[in-house]
Amino acid sequence: MAAVTEEKIDELLRESMKERGILEAQIDEVDLFPTPEGILTEVVLRDASALDDARQAVEEIESRLGDAHISLLPTIRALWSVDKIERIEVANPPGVPSGLVGVLFKATLKSGSRRQEVWVAVTPSAQQVLRPLATDDLAWLGLINAFLGHRLAIGGPSYWDPIRNQKVELGESEARYLRWRPYEQLRGAVDLVFHSPQRVRGLLQSLDELGEKVPDFRNALPKIPGPRGAYGRGEQLPTSNYELYDMLLACEKDEIAKYYAGKLERAGNDWPELKQEFPKAFVK
């Protein structure tokens, strides 16, 4: 086999899937990332009904590349959305998996032509965290919808496959994410800072005095507005932006860093005097 590039592997994978009847429209992305252990390979489908065929296609290419001493580390998953959710009020309903404790919900997910029922159990500690938000059944359904959307957005080796694992637990850490919405809070804090040149100047000056690199969002965390929002007696309120940042998914950390960098670049264009005062802040 000739020298194999990432582009060639992508082509081989798509050809193998096409041979098994998978349409290009059913493929969301093929992502390849070389590592010392092998090539992390993530195939994401828009239709879960094609998952088995996609796995066979990847296995075929994995075998062929193995002969050339190229190792694939594959993840094959589908994009899912929430179709409907209902709260289960009866004890021990038919079809519920064993081992679920807490407030119980049943949801139907959809991915292309495939539908999948899943069960969500909200643990007692999570109920305590969510109590200020879960004021009625409609609020509960909104929280479960947000939880499932967040859980299904996680890609890579730690993704959740609702076909193979039809039960999921909403625990305390997941509840704290829903309660405090860390991504929205941090993005809102960035918006507040970049609302006026005076606020941006204050941020740049404080980071400059500390010798911190301005383009690195993590350095800005202690200098932008911190956690906010109403909270009840006895609640464990996040005390710093570092706590909010640690709650984020890896993809959300990338997104908020890019958002901050975009705001910084725009500030330099909108208020050129800032570039003159803090030239190092705008060096990419």
Protein backbone atom coordinates (compact mmCIF):
# COMPACT_ATOMS: atom_id res chain seq x y z
CA MET A 1 0.00 0.00 0.00
CA ALA A 2 1.31 3.47 -0.95
CA ALA A 3 1.93 6.14 1.67
CA VAL A 4 -1.35 6.68 3.48
CA THR A 5 -2.37 10.22 4.42
CA GLU A 6 -5.25 11.29 6.61
CA GLU A 7 -7.07 12.40 3.45
CA LYS A 8 -6.60 8.93 1.98
CA ILE A 9 -7.93 7.24 5.14
CA ASP A 10 -10.96 9.53 5.06
CA GLU A 11 -11.52 8.56 1.42
CA LEU A 12 -11.15 4.83 2.18
CA LEU A 13 -13.63 5.03 5.06
CA ARG A 14 -16.22 6.87 3.00
CA GLU A 15 -15.82 4.46 0.07
CA SER A 16 -16.23 1.47 2.38
CA MET A 17 -19.37 2.95 3.92
CA LYS A 18 -20.76 3.76 0.47
CA GLU A 19 -20.23 0.13 -0.59
CA ARG A 20 -22.47 -0.89 2.32
CA GLY A 21 -25.26 1.44 1.26
CA ILE A 22 -24.53 4.36 3.58
CA LEU A 23 -25.35 7.60 1.80
CA GLU A 24 -23.09 10.64 2.09
CA ALA A 25 -26.09 12.51 3.51
CA GLN A 26 -26.15 10.03 6.42
CA ILE A 27 -22.56 10.91 7.38
CA ASP A 28 -22.10 13.98 9.55
CA GLU A 29 -18.31 13.87 9.80
CA VAL A 30 -15.21 11.70 9.71
CA ASP A 31 -12.60 13.10 12.08
CA LEU A 32 -9.01 11.83 12.22
CA PHE A 33 -6.38 12.78 14.80
CA PRO A 34 -2.93 11.14 14.88
CA THR A 35 -1.50 10.11 18.27
CA PRO A 36 1.54 8.03 19.26
CA GLU A 37 -0.79 5.07 19.93
CA GLY A 38 -2.59 5.31 16.60
CA ILE A 39 -5.05 7.44 14.67
CA LEU A 40 -8.10 8.49 16.66
CA THR A 41 -10.92 7.97 14.20
CA GLU A 42 -14.41 9.27 14.88
CA VAL A 43 -17.21 8.54 12.43
CA VAL A 44 -20.41 10.42 13.23
CA LEU A 45 -23.65 9.51 11.48
CA ARG A 46 -26.90 11.43 11.14
CA ASP A 47 -28.85 8.16 11.04
CA ALA A 48 -28.33 5.57 13.77
CA SER A 49 -29.91 2.87 11.59
CA ALA A 50 -26.63 2.79 9.64
CA LEU A 51 -24.40 2.21 12.69
CA ASP A 52 -23.88 -1.53 12.18
CA ASP A 53 -22.91 -1.05 8.53
CA ALA A 54 -20.56 1.79 9.51
CA ARG A 55 -18.86 -0.42 12.10
CA GLN A 56 -18.30 -3.13 9.48
CA ALA A 57 -16.89 -0.55 7.07
CA VAL A 58 -14.46 0.80 9.65
CA GLU A 59 -13.39 -2.72 10.66
CA GLU A 60 -12.58 -3.50 7.03
CA ILE A 61 -10.38 -0.41 6.62
CA GLU A 62 -8.84 -1.01 10.05
CA SER A 63 -7.79 -4.48 8.91
CA ARG A 64 -6.38 -3.21 5.61
CA LEU A 65 -4.39 -0.46 7.31
CA GLY A 66 -3.14 -2.92 9.91
CA ASP A 67 -1.24 -4.69 7.14
CA ALA A 68 0.59 -1.39 6.60
CA HIS A 69 1.24 -1.09 10.35
CA ILE A 70 -1.24 1.77 10.71
CA SER A 71 -3.49 1.51 13.76
CA LEU A 72 -6.95 3.07 13.90
CA LEU A 73 -8.58 3.84 17.26
CA PRO A 74 -12.19 4.08 16.12
CA THR A 75 -15.33 5.58 17.62
CA ILE A 76 -18.51 5.15 15.61
CA ARG A 77 -21.53 7.01 16.92
CA ALA A 78 -24.71 8.75 15.80
CA LEU A 79 -26.21 12.16 16.38
CA TRP A 80 -29.39 11.94 18.44
CA SER A 81 -32.09 14.43 19.35
CA VAL A 82 -34.86 14.24 21.93
CA ASP A 83 -38.28 13.45 20.48
CA LYS A 84 -40.40 13.28 23.66
CA ILE A 85 -40.09 12.90 27.42
CA GLU A 86 -42.56 11.74 30.05
CA ARG A 87 -42.35 11.48 33.81
CA ILE A 88 -43.07 8.01 35.21
CA GLU A 89 -45.26 8.19 38.29
CA VAL A 90 -45.99 4.47 38.83
CA ALA A 91 -43.65 2.22 40.79
CA ASN A 92 -41.74 -0.47 38.86
CA PRO A 93 -43.17 0.29 35.41
CA PRO A 94 -42.84 -2.43 32.74
CA GLY A 95 -39.63 -2.28 30.72
CA VAL A 96 -37.63 -0.19 33.17
CA PRO A 97 -34.01 -1.40 33.59
CA SER A 98 -32.93 -2.55 37.02
CA GLY A 99 -30.77 -0.48 39.31
CA LEU A 100 -32.40 2.91 38.74
CA VAL A 101 -33.09 4.95 41.88
CA GLY A 102 -34.76 8.36 42.06
CA VAL A 103 -37.29 10.36 40.07
CA LEU A 104 -37.82 8.44 36.82
CA PHE A 105 -38.35 9.68 33.26
CA LYS A 106 -38.72 7.89 29.94
CA ALA A 107 -37.53 9.59 26.77
CA THR A 108 -37.66 8.75 23.09
CA LEU A 109 -34.60 9.73 21.08
CA LYS A 110 -34.42 9.93 17.30
CA SER A 111 -31.58 9.69 14.82
CA GLY A 112 -32.63 9.56 11.19
CA SER A 113 -35.08 6.67 10.86
CA ARG A 114 -34.07 5.11 14.19
CA ARG A 115 -36.00 5.65 17.43
CA GLN A 116 -34.73 4.59 20.85
CA GLU A 117 -36.37 4.64 24.28
CA VAL A 118 -34.13 5.49 27.22
CA TRP A 119 -34.67 5.87 30.95
CA VAL A 120 -33.36 8.71 33.11
CA ALA A 121 -33.14 8.49 36.89
CA VAL A 122 -32.59 11.67 38.90
CA THR A 123 -30.76 10.80 42.12
CA PRO A 124 -31.89 12.25 45.47
CA SER A 125 -28.78 14.47 45.71
CA ALA A 126 -29.45 15.80 42.20
CA GLN A 127 -33.07 16.52 43.13
CA GLN A 128 -31.78 18.63 46.01
CA VAL A 129 -29.53 20.68 43.70
CA LEU A 130 -32.29 21.17 41.12
CA ARG A 131 -35.06 22.00 43.59
CA PRO A 132 -34.98 25.78 42.87
CA LEU A 133 -35.48 25.07 39.14
CA ALA A 134 -37.76 22.02 39.22
CA THR A 135 -40.87 23.89 40.31
CA ASP A 136 -43.38 21.76 38.35
CA ASP A 137 -43.59 18.89 35.85
CA LEU A 138 -43.01 21.21 32.87
CA ALA A 139 -39.82 22.52 34.46
CA TRP A 140 -38.67 18.95 35.11
CA LEU A 141 -39.22 18.02 31.47
CA GLY A 142 -37.14 21.02 30.39
CA LEU A 143 -34.32 20.00 32.72
CA ILE A 144 -34.32 16.40 31.49
CA ASN A 145 -34.33 17.64 27.89
CA ALA A 146 -31.31 19.86 28.63
CA PHE A 147 -29.53 17.01 30.41
CA LEU A 148 -30.04 14.57 27.55
CA GLY A 149 -28.96 17.15 24.97
CA HIS A 150 -25.80 17.84 26.95
CA ARG A 151 -25.06 14.13 27.47
CA LEU A 152 -25.59 13.29 23.80
CA ALA A 153 -23.27 16.13 22.72
CA ILE A 154 -20.25 14.38 24.23
CA GLY A 155 -18.18 12.73 21.50
CA GLY A 156 -15.02 10.68 21.47
CA PRO A 157 -14.42 7.44 23.39
CA SER A 158 -16.58 8.59 26.34
CA TYR A 159 -19.72 9.07 24.23
CA TRP A 160 -23.03 7.61 25.34
CA ASP A 161 -24.61 5.00 23.06
CA PRO A 162 -28.33 4.92 23.95
CA ILE A 163 -28.85 1.72 21.94
CA ARG A 164 -26.39 -0.30 24.02
CA ASN A 165 -27.04 1.51 27.31
CA GLN A 166 -30.68 2.47 27.68
CA LYS A 167 -30.42 3.93 31.17
CA VAL A 168 -28.60 7.01 32.37
CA GLU A 169 -28.31 8.65 35.76
CA LEU A 170 -28.61 12.36 36.41
CA GLY A 171 -26.35 12.74 39.43
CA GLU A 172 -25.19 15.65 41.54
CA SER A 173 -22.41 16.84 39.21
CA GLU A 174 -24.75 16.83 36.20
CA ALA A 175 -27.35 18.64 38.29
CA ARG A 176 -24.87 21.35 39.22
CA TYR A 177 -24.16 21.87 35.51
CA LEU A 178 -27.88 22.30 34.85
CA ARG A 179 -28.32 24.50 37.92
CA TRP A 180 -25.53 26.96 37.17
CA ARG A 181 -25.24 26.79 33.35
CA PRO A 182 -21.46 27.42 33.37
CA TYR A 183 -21.07 27.97 29.64
CA GLU A 184 -23.83 30.57 29.52
CA GLN A 185 -22.47 32.29 32.63
CA LEU A 186 -18.92 32.53 31.30
CA ARG A 187 -20.06 33.70 27.89
CA GLY A 188 -22.26 36.32 29.54
CA ALA A 189 -19.30 37.49 31.63
CA VAL A 190 -17.19 37.89 28.47
CA ASP A 191 -20.00 39.91 26.88
CA LEU A 192 -20.14 42.22 29.90
CA VAL A 193 -16.40 42.94 29.76
CA PHE A 194 -16.34 43.61 26.02
CA HIS A 195 -19.39 45.88 26.15
CA SER A 196 -17.31 49.06 26.41
CA PRO A 197 -13.69 50.16 25.81
CA GLN A 198 -13.40 51.19 29.47
CA ARG A 199 -14.11 47.65 30.67
CA VAL A 200 -11.79 46.10 28.11
CA ARG A 201 -9.06 48.54 29.14
CA GLY A 202 -9.51 47.50 32.76
CA LEU A 203 -9.16 43.83 31.83
CA LEU A 204 -6.09 44.40 29.69
CA GLN A 205 -4.44 46.60 32.29
CA SER A 206 -4.93 44.09 35.11
CA LEU A 207 -3.58 41.22 33.01
CA ASP A 208 -0.68 43.35 31.81
CA GLU A 209 0.28 44.24 35.37
CA LEU A 210 0.36 40.55 36.27
CA GLY A 211 2.38 39.69 33.19
CA GLU A 212 -0.33 37.30 31.99
CA LYS A 213 -0.92 36.44 28.33
CA VAL A 214 -4.14 38.22 27.38
CA PRO A 215 -5.23 35.88 24.53
CA ASP A 216 -5.35 32.88 26.92
CA PHE A 217 -8.93 32.80 28.24
CA ARG A 218 -7.92 30.93 31.38
CA ASN A 219 -5.80 33.90 32.44
CA ALA A 220 -8.87 36.14 32.17
CA LEU A 221 -11.06 33.96 34.41
CA PRO A 222 -10.31 35.79 37.70
CA LYS A 223 -10.67 39.20 35.98
CA ILE A 224 -14.13 38.84 34.45
CA PRO A 225 -17.44 38.96 36.41
CA GLY A 226 -17.84 35.88 38.57
CA PRO A 227 -20.72 33.46 39.23
CA ARG A 228 -24.09 35.09 39.64
CA GLY A 229 -27.77 34.27 39.95
CA ALA A 230 -30.32 33.79 42.69
CA TYR A 231 -29.76 30.89 45.03
CA GLY A 232 -31.56 29.31 47.94
CA ARG A 233 -30.57 28.74 51.53
CA GLY A 234 -28.05 25.93 51.90
CA GLU A 235 -27.11 25.82 48.21
CA GLN A 236 -23.47 25.36 47.23
CA LEU A 237 -22.95 28.36 44.97
CA PRO A 238 -19.88 28.23 42.66
CA THR A 239 -17.44 30.69 44.19
CA SER A 240 -15.19 31.36 41.20
CA ASN A 241 -15.04 31.28 37.43
CA TYR A 242 -12.52 28.46 37.77
CA GLU A 243 -15.30 26.28 39.19
CA LEU A 244 -17.57 27.17 36.29
CA TYR A 245 -14.77 26.49 33.81
CA ASP A 246 -14.07 23.08 35.34
CA MET A 247 -17.73 22.11 34.79
CA LEU A 248 -17.42 22.58 31.01
CA LEU A 249 -17.04 19.85 28.43
CA ALA A 250 -13.77 19.89 26.50
CA CYS A 251 -15.61 21.12 23.40
CA GLU A 252 -17.21 23.92 25.43
CA LYS A 253 -13.78 25.00 26.72
CA ASP A 254 -12.62 25.28 23.11
CA GLU A 255 -15.74 27.20 22.12
CA ILE A 256 -15.54 29.74 24.95
CA ALA A 257 -11.82 30.29 24.28
CA LYS A 258 -12.57 31.00 20.61
CA TYR A 259 -15.46 33.28 21.58
CA TYR A 260 -13.19 35.26 23.91
CA ALA A 261 -10.48 35.50 21.25
CA GLY A 262 -13.03 36.76 18.73
CA LYS A 263 -14.26 39.40 21.15
CA LEU A 264 -10.68 40.50 21.81
CA GLU A 265 -9.92 40.81 18.10
CA ARG A 266 -13.09 42.80 17.50
CA ALA A 267 -12.30 45.11 20.41
CA GLY A 268 -8.95 45.91 18.83
CA ASN A 269 -10.66 46.77 15.56
CA ASP A 270 -13.49 48.78 17.14
CA TRP A 271 -11.24 50.68 19.56
CA PRO A 272 -7.80 50.95 17.91
CA GLU A 273 -6.48 53.03 20.80
CA LEU A 274 -6.44 49.84 22.85
CA LYS A 275 -3.99 48.29 20.40
CA GLN A 276 -1.69 51.27 20.90
CA GLU A 277 -1.90 51.02 24.70
CA PHE A 278 -1.57 47.22 24.89
CA PRO A 279 0.14 46.02 21.71
CA LYS A 280 1.13 42.64 23.20
CA ALA A 281 -2.50 41.81 23.95
CA PHE A 282 -3.35 41.68 20.27
CA VAL A 283 -0.44 39.60 19.06
CA LYS A 284 -1.70 36.22 17.84
